[in-house]
Amino acid sequence: APPGVAREGRGLGSLGVWLGRGVMAIAFAAAAGVGGWFVGQIWLDYQVRTASPRVVEPELDLSPEVAPLPMESPSLNFPPTDDGEPEPSADLPAAERDRKLELRRQRRELAIDYDFFEALVEDRYGRAHPDRRGMRLTSEPADQLWRDRRDVVAQQILDQLQELSGEARRRLGAYSRDDRRQWAQRLERRNVTLAPVELFTNTVFSLYFPQDEPDQQPLDQVWSAIAFDYIRALEVGENLIPLTPIIGTELRHAGSLDPWQGKVFTVALEAGQSLTANGVSDYPTLVGIYDPNGRSLLANGNERSWSGQVSRTGYYTIAIVSNAPQTVNYNLYLTVKNAP
């Protein structure tokens, strides 16, 4: 055969051999792949059958935490939404109607009972204008001056009552003699009588109503509300200071008082011991010294010191009350001696 033909024949044969080997390799790989797939499926099926059930964890709540509301807050007064106060007359001038609505808003915000508030305003208005006491005001222009004056009284009362705590205000109109009996029992646990509370309450009451006595409704309700707040303070130990003087040695206690505030000191004494107590201050104060029954040892309210032998065993109380519109610095000197 010619050399060219022979070389062409060897080339085709080599290509066929190479193609045959390639086909066999591909077939083998395909067979291996199919076999591997079947083996993999069998293994996965086994794993699924033998695996323990998967516990699905709940999703975490990633929302921000919200602080709980306080159990009680002095600013939360829960004013009534409908307490019986009528709408201002449509016959009144617009400015006067707005003023009366503002008074109502303030009263409700302070959680003051409407009936009590009306009685107190009428009482104060009648005391300021005795010739108008008991006279009903109309919506006529002739009564506008008197309506304006009555609203001034109402605003003054709201300004005064806002100094009380929310709970003390909510009870206005509902205080009774039973409250004072309960207060006395509660203070007894603190070795205190009602006497120093009365000294403090009378002082603050006189600040608001200098010409009046808290002997009748509705003023006695204001007096009780002032006392309520002071008793609450004493019960939690605020402004209540036990003293334990060394026998025969003068004890000096120095401190300060906020405007029209007071502190109560207690000292345990035995019958027959002698007590010397003296309170001094840089601004006007009232001093009270009381035996275990609440009886005052001072002859009058202007005295600041007392010295003598005590006749009863128990806790004696000394009260110092500010009677000034600024901070008061005080010194209390106390000496206890045994009977000779």
Protein backbone atom coordinates (compact mmCIF):
# COMPACT_ATOMS: atom_id res chain seq x y z
CA ALA A 1 0.00 0.00 0.00
CA PRO A 2 1.21 3.45 -0.65
CA PRO A 3 2.78 5.10 2.35
CA GLY A 4 0.21 7.80 2.45
CA VAL A 5 -2.66 5.27 2.61
CA ALA A 6 -0.95 3.22 5.28
CA ARG A 7 -0.45 6.27 7.47
CA GLU A 8 -4.11 7.29 7.07
CA GLY A 9 -5.30 3.80 8.09
CA ARG A 10 -3.18 3.81 11.26
CA GLY A 11 -4.62 7.20 12.19
CA LEU A 12 -8.25 6.06 11.90
CA GLY A 13 -7.54 2.94 13.92
CA SER A 14 -5.91 4.86 16.73
CA LEU A 15 -8.88 7.25 16.84
CA GLY A 16 -11.29 4.32 17.07
CA VAL A 17 -9.34 2.74 19.87
CA TRP A 18 -9.29 6.08 21.74
CA LEU A 19 -13.03 6.57 21.20
CA GLY A 20 -13.79 3.09 22.39
CA ARG A 21 -11.80 3.59 25.53
CA GLY A 22 -13.57 6.92 26.13
CA VAL A 23 -16.99 5.38 25.74
CA MET A 24 -16.11 2.67 28.22
CA ALA A 25 -14.84 5.25 30.71
CA ILE A 26 -17.99 7.30 30.39
CA ALA A 27 -20.16 4.25 30.82
CA PHE A 28 -18.21 3.21 33.89
CA ALA A 29 -18.49 6.70 35.40
CA ALA A 30 -22.21 6.79 34.72
CA ALA A 31 -22.68 3.41 36.32
CA ALA A 32 -20.65 4.49 39.31
CA GLY A 33 -22.67 7.69 39.63
CA VAL A 34 -25.97 5.83 39.52
CA GLY A 35 -24.74 3.35 42.07
CA GLY A 36 -23.48 6.11 44.33
CA TRP A 37 -26.81 7.91 44.13
CA PHE A 38 -28.67 4.74 45.19
CA VAL A 39 -26.23 4.15 48.05
CA GLY A 40 -26.61 7.79 49.18
CA GLN A 41 -30.40 7.54 49.17
CA ILE A 42 -30.27 4.35 51.24
CA TRP A 43 -27.95 6.05 53.79
CA LEU A 44 -30.13 9.15 54.06
CA ASP A 45 -33.23 7.04 54.53
CA TYR A 46 -31.50 5.16 57.34
CA GLN A 47 -30.46 8.39 59.05
CA VAL A 48 -34.00 9.77 58.90
CA ARG A 49 -35.49 6.58 60.36
CA THR A 50 -33.01 6.30 63.22
CA ALA A 51 -32.58 9.98 64.15
CA SER A 52 -34.36 11.27 67.30
CA PRO A 53 -37.16 13.82 66.73
CA ARG A 54 -35.86 17.37 66.39
CA VAL A 55 -37.12 19.82 69.00
CA VAL A 56 -38.22 23.06 67.42
CA GLU A 57 -37.05 25.93 69.56
CA PRO A 58 -39.40 28.90 69.82
CA GLU A 59 -38.20 32.12 68.33
CA LEU A 60 -36.72 34.53 70.82
CA ASP A 61 -38.71 37.67 71.56
CA LEU A 62 -36.22 40.40 70.83
CA SER A 63 -38.66 43.24 71.50
CA PRO A 64 -37.35 45.81 74.01
CA GLU A 65 -38.32 45.39 77.65
CA VAL A 66 -40.83 47.87 79.04
CA ALA A 67 -40.40 48.95 82.64
CA PRO A 68 -43.47 48.18 84.81
CA LEU A 69 -45.57 51.05 86.08
CA PRO A 70 -44.98 51.95 89.72
CA MET A 71 -47.53 50.64 92.20
CA GLU A 72 -48.34 54.12 93.35
CA SER A 73 -47.17 57.58 92.42
CA PRO A 74 -48.06 60.92 94.02
CA SER A 75 -48.68 62.31 90.55
CA LEU A 76 -51.28 59.66 89.65
CA ASN A 77 -54.46 61.10 91.17
CA PHE A 78 -57.01 59.31 88.97
CA PRO A 79 -59.38 62.30 88.67
CA PRO A 80 -63.04 61.44 88.19
CA THR A 81 -64.38 61.86 84.68
CA ASP A 82 -67.92 62.71 85.81
CA ASP A 83 -68.33 64.00 89.35
CA GLY A 84 -71.55 65.96 89.08
CA GLU A 85 -70.21 69.42 88.35
CA PRO A 86 -72.56 71.05 85.83
CA GLU A 87 -71.38 72.76 82.69
CA PRO A 88 -70.98 76.54 82.96
CA SER A 89 -74.09 78.39 81.89
CA ALA A 90 -74.27 79.23 78.21
CA ASP A 91 -75.41 82.73 79.23
CA LEU A 92 -71.99 83.55 80.69
CA PRO A 93 -69.38 85.45 78.67
CA ALA A 94 -67.00 83.17 76.77
CA ALA A 95 -63.98 84.24 78.83
CA GLU A 96 -65.80 83.48 82.08
CA ARG A 97 -66.93 80.09 80.81
CA ASP A 98 -63.33 79.25 79.90
CA ARG A 99 -62.17 80.32 83.35
CA LYS A 100 -64.70 78.09 85.08
CA LEU A 101 -63.75 75.16 82.85
CA GLU A 102 -60.12 75.71 83.79
CA LEU A 103 -61.02 75.67 87.49
CA ARG A 104 -62.86 72.41 86.95
CA ARG A 105 -59.89 70.93 85.09
CA GLN A 106 -57.53 71.82 87.93
CA ARG A 107 -59.87 70.45 90.59
CA ARG A 108 -60.32 67.15 88.76
CA GLU A 109 -56.60 66.87 88.14
CA LEU A 110 -56.06 67.25 91.88
CA ALA A 111 -58.77 64.62 92.52
CA ILE A 112 -60.73 66.89 94.89
CA ASP A 113 -64.35 65.94 95.50
CA TYR A 114 -66.72 68.41 93.83
CA ASP A 115 -69.24 68.66 96.68
CA PHE A 116 -66.48 69.25 99.23
CA PHE A 117 -64.80 71.83 97.01
CA GLU A 118 -68.03 73.75 96.49
CA ALA A 119 -68.70 73.78 100.23
CA LEU A 120 -65.19 75.04 100.96
CA VAL A 121 -65.34 77.75 98.28
CA GLU A 122 -68.74 78.88 99.52
CA ASP A 123 -67.44 78.98 103.10
CA ARG A 124 -64.36 81.02 102.18
CA TYR A 125 -66.36 83.33 99.90
CA GLY A 126 -68.93 83.91 102.64
CA ARG A 127 -66.22 84.70 105.21
CA ALA A 128 -64.60 87.18 102.82
CA HIS A 129 -67.95 88.82 101.97
CA PRO A 130 -70.31 88.29 104.93
CA ASP A 131 -73.01 90.45 103.38
CA ARG A 132 -73.16 88.06 100.41
CA ARG A 133 -73.30 84.87 102.45
CA GLY A 134 -76.11 82.61 101.33
CA MET A 135 -76.98 84.72 98.29
CA ARG A 136 -77.26 82.73 95.08
CA LEU A 137 -75.27 84.09 92.16
CA THR A 138 -77.02 84.31 88.80
CA SER A 139 -75.64 84.48 85.29
CA GLU A 140 -76.90 88.05 84.96
CA PRO A 141 -74.38 90.86 84.23
CA ALA A 142 -75.23 92.42 87.60
CA ASP A 143 -73.59 89.46 89.39
CA GLN A 144 -70.46 89.30 87.25
CA LEU A 145 -68.30 91.14 89.80
CA TRP A 146 -69.30 88.67 92.53
CA ARG A 147 -68.84 85.67 90.26
CA ASP A 148 -65.34 86.92 89.48
CA ARG A 149 -64.53 87.28 93.17
CA ARG A 150 -65.85 83.81 93.91
CA ASP A 151 -63.65 82.36 91.17
CA VAL A 152 -60.65 84.12 92.70
CA VAL A 153 -61.42 82.37 95.99
CA ALA A 154 -61.71 79.03 94.16
CA GLN A 155 -58.31 79.49 92.52
CA GLN A 156 -56.69 80.40 95.84
CA ILE A 157 -58.06 77.22 97.42
CA LEU A 158 -56.77 75.07 94.56
CA ASP A 159 -53.33 76.63 94.94
CA GLN A 160 -53.35 75.81 98.64
CA LEU A 161 -54.66 72.26 98.38
CA GLN A 162 -52.15 71.25 95.74
CA GLU A 163 -49.51 71.26 98.50
CA LEU A 164 -51.18 68.15 99.96
CA SER A 165 -50.41 64.65 98.74
CA GLY A 166 -52.75 63.05 96.21
CA GLU A 167 -54.10 60.58 98.75
CA ALA A 168 -54.77 63.30 101.32
CA ARG A 169 -56.70 65.31 98.72
CA ARG A 170 -58.75 62.33 97.53
CA ARG A 171 -60.05 61.84 101.07
CA LEU A 172 -61.20 65.43 101.54
CA GLY A 173 -64.82 65.34 102.58
CA ALA A 174 -64.52 61.84 104.06
CA TYR A 175 -62.30 62.32 107.15
CA SER A 176 -63.98 61.41 110.45
CA ARG A 177 -63.28 61.08 114.17
CA ASP A 178 -62.54 57.41 113.60
CA ASP A 179 -59.52 58.46 111.56
CA ARG A 180 -58.00 60.29 114.51
CA ARG A 181 -58.50 57.28 116.77
CA GLN A 182 -56.78 55.07 114.22
CA TRP A 183 -53.96 57.58 113.80
CA ALA A 184 -53.36 57.59 117.55
CA GLN A 185 -53.12 53.80 117.58
CA ARG A 186 -50.71 53.74 114.66
CA LEU A 187 -48.48 56.45 116.16
CA GLU A 188 -48.37 54.56 119.44
CA ARG A 189 -46.28 51.92 117.68
CA ARG A 190 -43.74 54.67 117.07
CA ASN A 191 -43.86 55.82 120.70
CA VAL A 192 -45.50 59.08 119.65
CA THR A 193 -48.83 60.66 120.61
CA LEU A 194 -51.05 62.90 118.50
CA ALA A 195 -49.89 65.98 120.43
CA PRO A 196 -46.85 66.86 118.25
CA VAL A 197 -48.94 66.16 115.13
CA GLU A 198 -51.52 68.67 116.34
CA LEU A 199 -48.79 71.27 116.94
CA PHE A 200 -47.49 70.87 113.40
CA THR A 201 -50.95 70.74 111.80
CA ASN A 202 -52.17 73.82 113.65
CA THR A 203 -49.09 75.72 112.49
CA VAL A 204 -49.60 74.88 108.81
CA PHE A 205 -53.37 75.40 109.02
CA SER A 206 -52.85 78.88 110.47
CA LEU A 207 -50.57 79.68 107.56
CA TYR A 208 -53.41 79.06 105.10
CA PHE A 209 -56.32 80.26 107.23
CA PRO A 210 -54.87 82.71 109.77
CA GLN A 211 -58.26 84.04 110.90
CA ASP A 212 -60.02 80.70 111.31
CA GLU A 213 -60.18 77.69 113.58
CA PRO A 214 -60.61 74.13 112.23
CA ASP A 215 -63.66 73.51 114.37
CA GLN A 216 -66.33 73.03 111.70
CA GLN A 217 -66.93 71.49 108.30
CA PRO A 218 -65.41 71.94 105.80
CA LEU A 219 -62.28 73.48 107.36
CA ASP A 220 -61.79 70.50 109.68
CA GLN A 221 -61.36 68.37 106.56
CA VAL A 222 -58.40 70.50 105.47
CA TRP A 223 -56.92 70.18 108.96
CA SER A 224 -57.29 66.39 108.81
CA ALA A 225 -55.65 66.24 105.38
CA ILE A 226 -52.61 68.16 106.68
CA ALA A 227 -52.41 65.82 109.68
CA PHE A 228 -52.77 62.77 107.43
CA ASP A 229 -49.66 63.68 105.44
CA TYR A 230 -47.60 64.39 108.56
CA ILE A 231 -48.64 61.14 110.22
CA ARG A 232 -47.70 59.19 107.11
CA ALA A 233 -44.25 60.79 107.24
CA LEU A 234 -43.80 59.88 110.91
CA GLU A 235 -44.88 56.30 110.28
CA VAL A 236 -42.07 55.74 107.79
CA GLY A 237 -39.56 57.36 110.13
CA GLU A 238 -39.33 60.66 108.28
CA ASN A 239 -38.73 63.59 110.66
CA LEU A 240 -38.86 61.19 113.63
CA ILE A 241 -35.59 60.99 115.60
CA PRO A 242 -35.10 58.80 118.72
CA LEU A 243 -32.58 60.27 121.17
CA THR A 244 -30.54 58.29 123.72
CA PRO A 245 -28.71 60.77 125.95
CA ILE A 246 -26.01 59.62 128.35
CA ILE A 247 -27.18 60.12 131.92
CA GLY A 248 -25.77 63.33 133.33
CA THR A 249 -24.27 64.50 130.01
CA GLU A 250 -25.80 67.21 127.87
CA LEU A 251 -26.81 65.97 124.41
CA ARG A 252 -26.79 68.46 121.55
CA HIS A 253 -28.65 67.74 118.33
CA ALA A 254 -28.26 70.21 115.46
CA GLY A 255 -30.31 70.23 112.27
CA SER A 256 -32.44 72.28 109.91
CA LEU A 257 -36.10 72.56 108.99
CA ASP A 258 -37.69 73.34 105.65
CA PRO A 259 -40.27 76.17 105.68
CA TRP A 260 -43.23 75.23 107.90
CA GLN A 261 -41.94 71.73 108.54
CA GLY A 262 -41.35 69.98 111.84
CA LYS A 263 -39.38 67.21 113.53
CA VAL A 264 -40.28 65.00 116.45
CA PHE A 265 -37.76 63.61 118.96
CA THR A 266 -38.44 60.80 121.43
CA VAL A 267 -36.57 59.96 124.63
CA ALA A 268 -37.33 57.12 127.06
CA LEU A 269 -37.49 58.23 130.71
CA GLU A 270 -38.28 56.60 134.01
CA ALA A 271 -40.45 58.15 136.68
CA GLY A 272 -38.30 60.21 139.03
CA GLN A 273 -35.67 61.16 136.48
CA SER A 274 -35.14 64.83 135.71
CA LEU A 275 -35.24 66.26 132.21
CA THR A 276 -33.90 69.53 130.88
CA ALA A 277 -34.78 70.36 127.28
CA ASN A 278 -34.14 73.56 125.35
CA GLY A 279 -34.67 74.32 121.67
CA VAL A 280 -33.06 77.32 119.99
CA SER A 281 -33.16 78.45 116.35
CA ASP A 282 -32.13 81.31 114.09
CA TYR A 283 -35.70 81.91 112.85
CA PRO A 284 -39.13 81.60 114.50
CA THR A 285 -40.05 78.09 115.63
CA LEU A 286 -42.57 76.48 117.95
CA VAL A 287 -41.44 73.96 120.56
CA GLY A 288 -43.60 71.34 122.23
CA ILE A 289 -42.63 68.93 125.03
CA TYR A 290 -45.10 66.17 125.91
CA ASP A 291 -45.37 63.34 128.42
CA PRO A 292 -46.27 59.74 127.41
CA ASN A 293 -49.99 60.63 127.50
CA GLY A 294 -49.58 63.63 125.20
CA ARG A 295 -49.96 66.23 127.95
CA SER A 296 -47.92 69.37 127.31
CA LEU A 297 -45.23 70.19 129.85
CA LEU A 298 -44.95 73.78 128.64
CA ALA A 299 -47.25 76.41 130.08
CA ASN A 300 -47.78 78.22 126.76
CA GLY A 301 -46.82 78.11 123.11
CA ASN A 302 -44.12 80.76 123.46
CA GLU A 303 -41.90 78.69 125.74
CA ARG A 304 -38.96 76.82 124.26
CA SER A 305 -37.48 75.08 127.29
CA TRP A 306 -38.52 72.96 130.25
CA SER A 307 -36.77 71.49 133.25
CA GLY A 308 -38.19 69.26 135.93
CA GLN A 309 -38.75 65.80 137.32
CA VAL A 310 -40.96 63.46 135.28
CA SER A 311 -43.74 61.55 137.01
CA ARG A 312 -44.41 58.86 134.40
CA THR A 313 -42.30 56.14 132.85
CA GLY A 314 -42.45 56.05 129.07
CA TYR A 315 -41.51 57.95 125.94
CA TYR A 316 -41.47 61.73 126.08
CA THR A 317 -41.67 63.67 122.83
CA ILE A 318 -40.17 66.99 121.83
CA ALA A 319 -41.41 68.74 118.69
CA ILE A 320 -39.74 71.62 116.87
CA VAL A 321 -41.85 73.22 114.12
CA SER A 322 -40.76 75.95 111.72
CA ASN A 323 -42.90 79.05 111.66
CA ALA A 324 -40.88 80.78 108.95
CA PRO A 325 -40.90 80.89 105.13
CA GLN A 326 -37.20 80.00 104.90
CA THR A 327 -34.91 77.21 106.08
CA VAL A 328 -34.46 77.24 109.86
CA ASN A 329 -31.33 76.03 111.66
CA TYR A 330 -31.90 74.73 115.16
CA ASN A 331 -30.12 73.22 118.16
CA LEU A 332 -31.81 70.97 120.68
CA TYR A 333 -30.10 70.56 124.06
CA LEU A 334 -31.16 67.66 126.26
CA THR A 335 -29.96 66.50 129.68
CA VAL A 336 -31.30 63.54 131.68
CA LYS A 337 -30.32 62.86 135.29
CA ASN A 338 -31.27 60.10 137.66
CA ALA A 339 -33.12 60.83 140.87
CA PRO A 340 -30.75 61.72 143.73
